[in-house]
Amino acid sequence: PDLVEYLKGFLDNVTIDGKSFDHF
């Protein structure tokens, strides 16, 4: 769970133009 919390920030911005992982 600690890794999940840490990586949530990365999932919010995974593309060069700032799109979330869900959008991607």
PDB file of all heavy atoms in Angstrom:
ATOM      1  N   PRO A   1       0.807  -1.228   0.000  1.00  0.00           N
ATOM      2  CA  PRO A   1       0.000   0.000   0.000  1.00  0.00           C
ATOM      3  C   PRO A   1       0.841   1.280   0.000  1.00  0.00           C
ATOM      4  O   PRO A   1       0.426   2.291  -0.546  1.00  0.00           O
ATOM      5  CB  PRO A   1      -0.833  -0.098   1.268  1.00  0.00           C
ATOM      6  CG  PRO A   1      -0.357  -1.279   2.014  1.00  0.00           C
ATOM      7  CD  PRO A   1       0.574  -2.052   1.151  1.00  0.00           C
ATOM      8  N   ASP A   2       2.033   1.241   0.608  1.00  0.00           N
ATOM      9  CA  ASP A   2       2.887   2.433   0.611  1.00  0.00           C
ATOM     10  C   ASP A   2       3.338   2.770  -0.810  1.00  0.00           C
ATOM     11  O   ASP A   2       3.386   3.936  -1.203  1.00  0.00           O
ATOM     12  CB  ASP A   2       4.120   2.214   1.491  1.00  0.00           C
ATOM     13  CG  ASP A   2       3.755   2.072   2.959  1.00  0.00           C
ATOM     14  OD1 ASP A   2       2.712   2.633   3.353  1.00  0.00           O
ATOM     15  OD2 ASP A   2       4.502   1.401   3.697  1.00  0.00           O
ATOM     16  N   LEU A   3       3.656   1.762  -1.591  1.00  0.00           N
ATOM     17  CA  LEU A   3       4.076   1.965  -2.972  1.00  0.00           C
ATOM     18  C   LEU A   3       2.913   2.517  -3.802  1.00  0.00           C
ATOM     19  O   LEU A   3       3.098   3.403  -4.629  1.00  0.00           O
ATOM     20  CB  LEU A   3       4.594   0.655  -3.574  1.00  0.00           C
ATOM     21  CG  LEU A   3       5.161   0.729  -4.986  1.00  0.00           C
ATOM     22  CD1 LEU A   3       6.325   1.704  -5.059  1.00  0.00           C
ATOM     23  CD2 LEU A   3       5.601  -0.655  -5.448  1.00  0.00           C
ATOM     24  N   VAL A   4       1.712   2.022  -3.546  1.00  0.00           N
ATOM     25  CA  VAL A   4       0.526   2.518  -4.255  1.00  0.00           C
ATOM     26  C   VAL A   4       0.358   4.007  -3.995  1.00  0.00           C
ATOM     27  O   VAL A   4       0.157   4.795  -4.923  1.00  0.00           O
ATOM     28  CB  VAL A   4      -0.747   1.749  -3.825  1.00  0.00           C
ATOM     29  CG1 VAL A   4      -1.987   2.400  -4.401  1.00  0.00           C
ATOM     30  CG2 VAL A   4      -0.663   0.295  -4.244  1.00  0.00           C
ATOM     31  N   GLU A   5       0.439   4.415  -2.745  1.00  0.00           N
ATOM     32  CA  GLU A   5       0.290   5.832  -2.398  1.00  0.00           C
ATOM     33  C   GLU A   5       1.382   6.676  -3.040  1.00  0.00           C
ATOM     34  O   GLU A   5       1.140   7.759  -3.544  1.00  0.00           O
ATOM     35  CB  GLU A   5       0.303   6.034  -0.874  1.00  0.00           C
ATOM     36  CG  GLU A   5      -0.978   5.630  -0.198  1.00  0.00           C
ATOM     37  CD  GLU A   5      -2.190   6.356  -0.763  1.00  0.00           C
ATOM     38  OE1 GLU A   5      -2.156   7.594  -0.936  1.00  0.00           O
ATOM     39  OE2 GLU A   5      -3.182   5.672  -1.060  1.00  0.00           O
ATOM     40  N   TYR A   6       2.606   6.158  -3.040  1.00  0.00           N
ATOM     41  CA  TYR A   6       3.733   6.889  -3.614  1.00  0.00           C
ATOM     42  C   TYR A   6       3.548   7.086  -5.118  1.00  0.00           C
ATOM     43  O   TYR A   6       3.829   8.148  -5.662  1.00  0.00           O
ATOM     44  CB  TYR A   6       5.045   6.148  -3.325  1.00  0.00           C
ATOM     45  CG  TYR A   6       6.266   6.867  -3.818  1.00  0.00           C
ATOM     46  CD1 TYR A   6       6.801   7.938  -3.102  1.00  0.00           C
ATOM     47  CD2 TYR A   6       6.878   6.490  -5.010  1.00  0.00           C
ATOM     48  CE1 TYR A   6       7.918   8.614  -3.562  1.00  0.00           C
ATOM     49  CE2 TYR A   6       8.001   7.162  -5.470  1.00  0.00           C
ATOM     50  CZ  TYR A   6       8.512   8.220  -4.752  1.00  0.00           C
ATOM     51  OH  TYR A   6       9.610   8.899  -5.206  1.00  0.00           O
ATOM     52  N   LEU A   7       3.044   6.057  -5.796  1.00  0.00           N
ATOM     53  CA  LEU A   7       2.920   6.104  -7.251  1.00  0.00           C
ATOM     54  C   LEU A   7       1.655   6.800  -7.749  1.00  0.00           C
ATOM     55  O   LEU A   7       1.547   7.093  -8.930  1.00  0.00           O
ATOM     56  CB  LEU A   7       2.983   4.688  -7.829  1.00  0.00           C
ATOM     57  CG  LEU A   7       4.348   4.015  -7.718  1.00  0.00           C
ATOM     58  CD1 LEU A   7       4.281   2.589  -8.218  1.00  0.00           C
ATOM     59  CD2 LEU A   7       5.407   4.793  -8.478  1.00  0.00           C
ATOM     60  N   LYS A   8       0.700   7.099  -6.881  1.00  0.00           N
ATOM     61  CA  LYS A   8      -0.525   7.768  -7.317  1.00  0.00           C
ATOM     62  C   LYS A   8      -0.217   9.103  -7.988  1.00  0.00           C
ATOM     63  O   LYS A   8      -0.874   9.482  -8.949  1.00  0.00           O
ATOM     64  CB  LYS A   8      -1.490   7.966  -6.147  1.00  0.00           C
ATOM     65  CG  LYS A   8      -2.333   6.749  -5.879  1.00  0.00           C
ATOM     66  CD  LYS A   8      -3.391   7.033  -4.834  1.00  0.00           C
ATOM     67  CE  LYS A   8      -4.227   5.789  -4.627  1.00  0.00           C
ATOM     68  NZ  LYS A   8      -5.208   5.966  -3.570  1.00  0.00           N
ATOM     69  N   GLY A   9       0.762   9.804  -7.511  1.00  0.00           N
ATOM     70  CA  GLY A   9       1.151  11.072  -8.144  1.00  0.00           C
ATOM     71  C   GLY A   9       1.624  10.876  -9.572  1.00  0.00           C
ATOM     72  O   GLY A   9       1.359  11.706 -10.439  1.00  0.00           O
ATOM     73  N   PHE A  10       2.319   9.792  -9.832  1.00  0.00           N
ATOM     74  CA  PHE A  10       2.784   9.505 -11.189  1.00  0.00           C
ATOM     75  C   PHE A  10       1.618   9.166 -12.108  1.00  0.00           C
ATOM     76  O   PHE A  10       1.633   9.479 -13.292  1.00  0.00           O
ATOM     77  CB  PHE A  10       3.791   8.353 -11.190  1.00  0.00           C
ATOM     78  CG  PHE A  10       5.082   8.691 -10.504  1.00  0.00           C
ATOM     79  CD1 PHE A  10       5.369   8.169  -9.262  1.00  0.00           C
ATOM     80  CD2 PHE A  10       6.003   9.541 -11.099  1.00  0.00           C
ATOM     81  CE1 PHE A  10       6.550   8.482  -8.620  1.00  0.00           C
ATOM     82  CE2 PHE A  10       7.192   9.862 -10.470  1.00  0.00           C
ATOM     83  CZ  PHE A  10       7.466   9.332  -9.217  1.00  0.00           C
ATOM     84  N   LEU A  11       0.591   8.500 -11.582  1.00  0.00           N
ATOM     85  CA  LEU A  11      -0.562   8.114 -12.390  1.00  0.00           C
ATOM     86  C   LEU A  11      -1.394   9.313 -12.807  1.00  0.00           C
ATOM     87  O   LEU A  11      -2.169   9.233 -13.763  1.00  0.00           O
ATOM     88  CB  LEU A  11      -1.433   7.099 -11.638  1.00  0.00           C
ATOM     89  CG  LEU A  11      -0.778   5.749 -11.365  1.00  0.00           C
ATOM     90  CD1 LEU A  11      -1.695   4.889 -10.521  1.00  0.00           C
ATOM     91  CD2 LEU A  11      -0.411   5.051 -12.658  1.00  0.00           C
ATOM     92  N   ASP A  12      -1.233  10.437 -12.125  1.00  0.00           N
ATOM     93  CA  ASP A  12      -1.969  11.648 -12.476  1.00  0.00           C
ATOM     94  C   ASP A  12      -1.330  12.401 -13.639  1.00  0.00           C
ATOM     95  O   ASP A  12      -1.950  13.289 -14.214  1.00  0.00           O
ATOM     96  CB  ASP A  12      -2.080  12.584 -11.268  1.00  0.00           C
ATOM     97  CG  ASP A  12      -2.976  12.022 -10.188  1.00  0.00           C
ATOM     98  OD1 ASP A  12      -3.846  11.191 -10.518  1.00  0.00           O
ATOM     99  OD2 ASP A  12      -2.808  12.406  -9.017  1.00  0.00           O
ATOM    100  N   ASN A  13      -0.102  12.052 -13.996  1.00  0.00           N
ATOM    101  CA  ASN A  13       0.607  12.767 -15.063  1.00  0.00           C
ATOM    102  C   ASN A  13       1.601  11.811 -15.724  1.00  0.00           C
ATOM    103  O   ASN A  13       2.757  11.757 -15.334  1.00  0.00           O
ATOM    104  CB  ASN A  13       1.327  13.979 -14.481  1.00  0.00           C
ATOM    105  CG  ASN A  13       2.054  14.779 -15.523  1.00  0.00           C
ATOM    106  OD1 ASN A  13       1.952  14.534 -16.712  1.00  0.00           O
ATOM    107  ND2 ASN A  13       2.823  15.754 -15.065  1.00  0.00           N
ATOM    108  N   VAL A  14       1.141  11.073 -16.739  1.00  0.00           N
ATOM    109  CA  VAL A  14       2.022  10.077 -17.368  1.00  0.00           C
ATOM    110  C   VAL A  14       2.451  10.451 -18.780  1.00  0.00           C
ATOM    111  O   VAL A  14       3.278   9.768 -19.369  1.00  0.00           O
ATOM    112  CB  VAL A  14       1.386   8.669 -17.394  1.00  0.00           C
ATOM    113  CG1 VAL A  14       1.169   8.140 -16.005  1.00  0.00           C
ATOM    114  CG2 VAL A  14       0.120   8.650 -18.213  1.00  0.00           C
ATOM    115  N   THR A  15       1.896  11.514 -19.338  1.00  0.00           N
ATOM    116  CA  THR A  15       2.277  11.909 -20.695  1.00  0.00           C
ATOM    117  C   THR A  15       2.978  13.251 -20.667  1.00  0.00           C
ATOM    118  O   THR A  15       2.898  13.993 -19.695  1.00  0.00           O
ATOM    119  CB  THR A  15       1.038  12.010 -21.623  1.00  0.00           C
ATOM    120  OG1 THR A  15       0.197  13.061 -21.147  1.00  0.00           O
ATOM    121  CG2 THR A  15       0.263  10.703 -21.656  1.00  0.00           C
ATOM    122  N   ILE A  16       3.626  13.562 -21.765  1.00  0.00           N
ATOM    123  CA  ILE A  16       4.375  14.814 -21.839  1.00  0.00           C
ATOM    124  C   ILE A  16       3.453  16.028 -21.758  1.00  0.00           C
ATOM    125  O   ILE A  16       3.860  17.102 -21.340  1.00  0.00           O
ATOM    126  CB  ILE A  16       5.249  14.856 -23.112  1.00  0.00           C
ATOM    127  CG1 ILE A  16       6.324  15.914 -22.994  1.00  0.00           C
ATOM    128  CG2 ILE A  16       4.396  15.038 -24.358  1.00  0.00           C
ATOM    129  CD1 ILE A  16       7.425  15.800 -24.008  1.00  0.00           C
ATOM    130  N   ASP A  17       2.172  15.834 -22.137  1.00  0.00           N
ATOM    131  CA  ASP A  17       1.226  16.950 -22.066  1.00  0.00           C
ATOM    132  C   ASP A  17       0.351  16.895 -20.820  1.00  0.00           C
ATOM    133  O   ASP A  17      -0.670  17.567 -20.735  1.00  0.00           O
ATOM    134  CB  ASP A  17       0.376  17.037 -23.332  1.00  0.00           C
ATOM    135  CG  ASP A  17      -0.357  15.759 -23.650  1.00  0.00           C
ATOM    136  OD1 ASP A  17      -0.077  14.730 -23.017  1.00  0.00           O
ATOM    137  OD2 ASP A  17      -1.225  15.780 -24.545  1.00  0.00           O
ATOM    138  N   GLY A  18       0.737  16.092 -19.823  1.00  0.00           N
ATOM    139  CA  GLY A  18       0.106  16.122 -18.511  1.00  0.00           C
ATOM    140  C   GLY A  18      -1.171  15.315 -18.347  1.00  0.00           C
ATOM    141  O   GLY A  18      -1.930  15.563 -17.423  1.00  0.00           O
ATOM    142  N   LYS A  19      -1.412  14.344 -19.208  1.00  0.00           N
ATOM    143  CA  LYS A  19      -2.623  13.530 -19.083  1.00  0.00           C
ATOM    144  C   LYS A  19      -2.428  12.425 -18.036  1.00  0.00           C
ATOM    145  O   LYS A  19      -1.326  11.921 -17.846  1.00  0.00           O
ATOM    146  CB  LYS A  19      -2.993  12.916 -20.420  1.00  0.00           C
ATOM    147  CG  LYS A  19      -3.473  13.950 -21.424  1.00  0.00           C
ATOM    148  CD  LYS A  19      -3.982  13.299 -22.675  1.00  0.00           C
ATOM    149  CE  LYS A  19      -4.626  14.281 -23.607  1.00  0.00           C
ATOM    150  NZ  LYS A  19      -3.772  15.280 -24.162  1.00  0.00           N
ATOM    151  N   SER A  20      -3.535  12.064 -17.402  1.00  0.00           N
ATOM    152  CA  SER A  20      -3.477  11.008 -16.392  1.00  0.00           C
ATOM    153  C   SER A  20      -3.363   9.639 -17.063  1.00  0.00           C
ATOM    154  O   SER A  20      -3.619   9.498 -18.264  1.00  0.00           O
ATOM    155  CB  SER A  20      -4.743  11.042 -15.534  1.00  0.00           C
ATOM    156  OG  SER A  20      -5.859  10.617 -16.308  1.00  0.00           O
ATOM    157  N   PHE A  21      -3.023   8.636 -16.271  1.00  0.00           N
ATOM    158  CA  PHE A  21      -2.927   7.277 -16.799  1.00  0.00           C
ATOM    159  C   PHE A  21      -4.288   6.804 -17.307  1.00  0.00           C
ATOM    160  O   PHE A  21      -4.373   6.148 -18.335  1.00  0.00           O
ATOM    161  CB  PHE A  21      -2.386   6.312 -15.735  1.00  0.00           C
ATOM    162  CG  PHE A  21      -2.187   4.937 -16.268  1.00  0.00           C
ATOM    163  CD1 PHE A  21      -1.112   4.642 -17.094  1.00  0.00           C
ATOM    164  CD2 PHE A  21      -3.087   3.923 -15.972  1.00  0.00           C
ATOM    165  CE1 PHE A  21      -0.928   3.365 -17.612  1.00  0.00           C
ATOM    166  CE2 PHE A  21      -2.912   2.647 -16.480  1.00  0.00           C
ATOM    167  CZ  PHE A  21      -1.830   2.374 -17.295  1.00  0.00           C
ATOM    168  N   ASP A  22      -5.367   7.163 -16.614  1.00  0.00           N
ATOM    169  CA  ASP A  22      -6.705   6.774 -17.056  1.00  0.00           C
ATOM    170  C   ASP A  22      -7.037   7.377 -18.418  1.00  0.00           C
ATOM    171  O   ASP A  22      -7.580   6.703 -19.292  1.00  0.00           O
ATOM    172  CB  ASP A  22      -7.761   7.190 -16.030  1.00  0.00           C
ATOM    173  CG  ASP A  22      -7.685   6.373 -14.755  1.00  0.00           C
ATOM    174  OD1 ASP A  22      -7.182   5.225 -14.813  1.00  0.00           O
ATOM    175  OD2 ASP A  22      -8.123   6.866 -13.707  1.00  0.00           O
ATOM    176  N   HIS A  23      -6.705   8.647 -18.615  1.00  0.00           N
ATOM    177  CA  HIS A  23      -6.935   9.308 -19.901  1.00  0.00           C
ATOM    178  C   HIS A  23      -6.090   8.644 -20.991  1.00  0.00           C
ATOM    179  O   HIS A  23      -6.565   8.386 -22.107  1.00  0.00           O
ATOM    180  CB  HIS A  23      -6.594  10.788 -19.788  1.00  0.00           C
ATOM    181  CG  HIS A  23      -6.990  11.596 -20.976  1.00  0.00           C
ATOM    182  ND1 HIS A  23      -7.858  12.640 -20.896  1.00  0.00           N
ATOM    183  CD2 HIS A  23      -6.646  11.516 -22.274  1.00  0.00           C
ATOM    184  CE1 HIS A  23      -8.031  13.164 -22.099  1.00  0.00           C
ATOM    185  NE2 HIS A  23      -7.295  12.497 -22.941  1.00  0.00           N
ATOM    186  N   PHE A  24      -4.825   8.381 -20.680  1.00  0.00           N
ATOM    187  CA  PHE A  24      -3.925   7.718 -21.613  1.00  0.00           C
ATOM    188  C   PHE A  24      -4.465   6.338 -21.992  1.00  0.00           C
ATOM    189  O   PHE A  24      -4.495   5.971 -23.161  1.00  0.00           O
ATOM    190  CB  PHE A  24      -2.531   7.602 -20.975  1.00  0.00           C
ATOM    191  CG  PHE A  24      -1.583   6.737 -21.744  1.00  0.00           C
ATOM    192  CD1 PHE A  24      -1.014   7.178 -22.920  1.00  0.00           C
ATOM    193  CD2 PHE A  24      -1.259   5.469 -21.277  1.00  0.00           C
ATOM    194  CE1 PHE A  24      -0.136   6.374 -23.636  1.00  0.00           C
ATOM    195  CE2 PHE A  24      -0.389   4.659 -21.983  1.00  0.00           C
ATOM    196  CZ  PHE A  24       0.178   5.123 -23.160  1.00  0.00           C
TER     197      PHE A  24
END
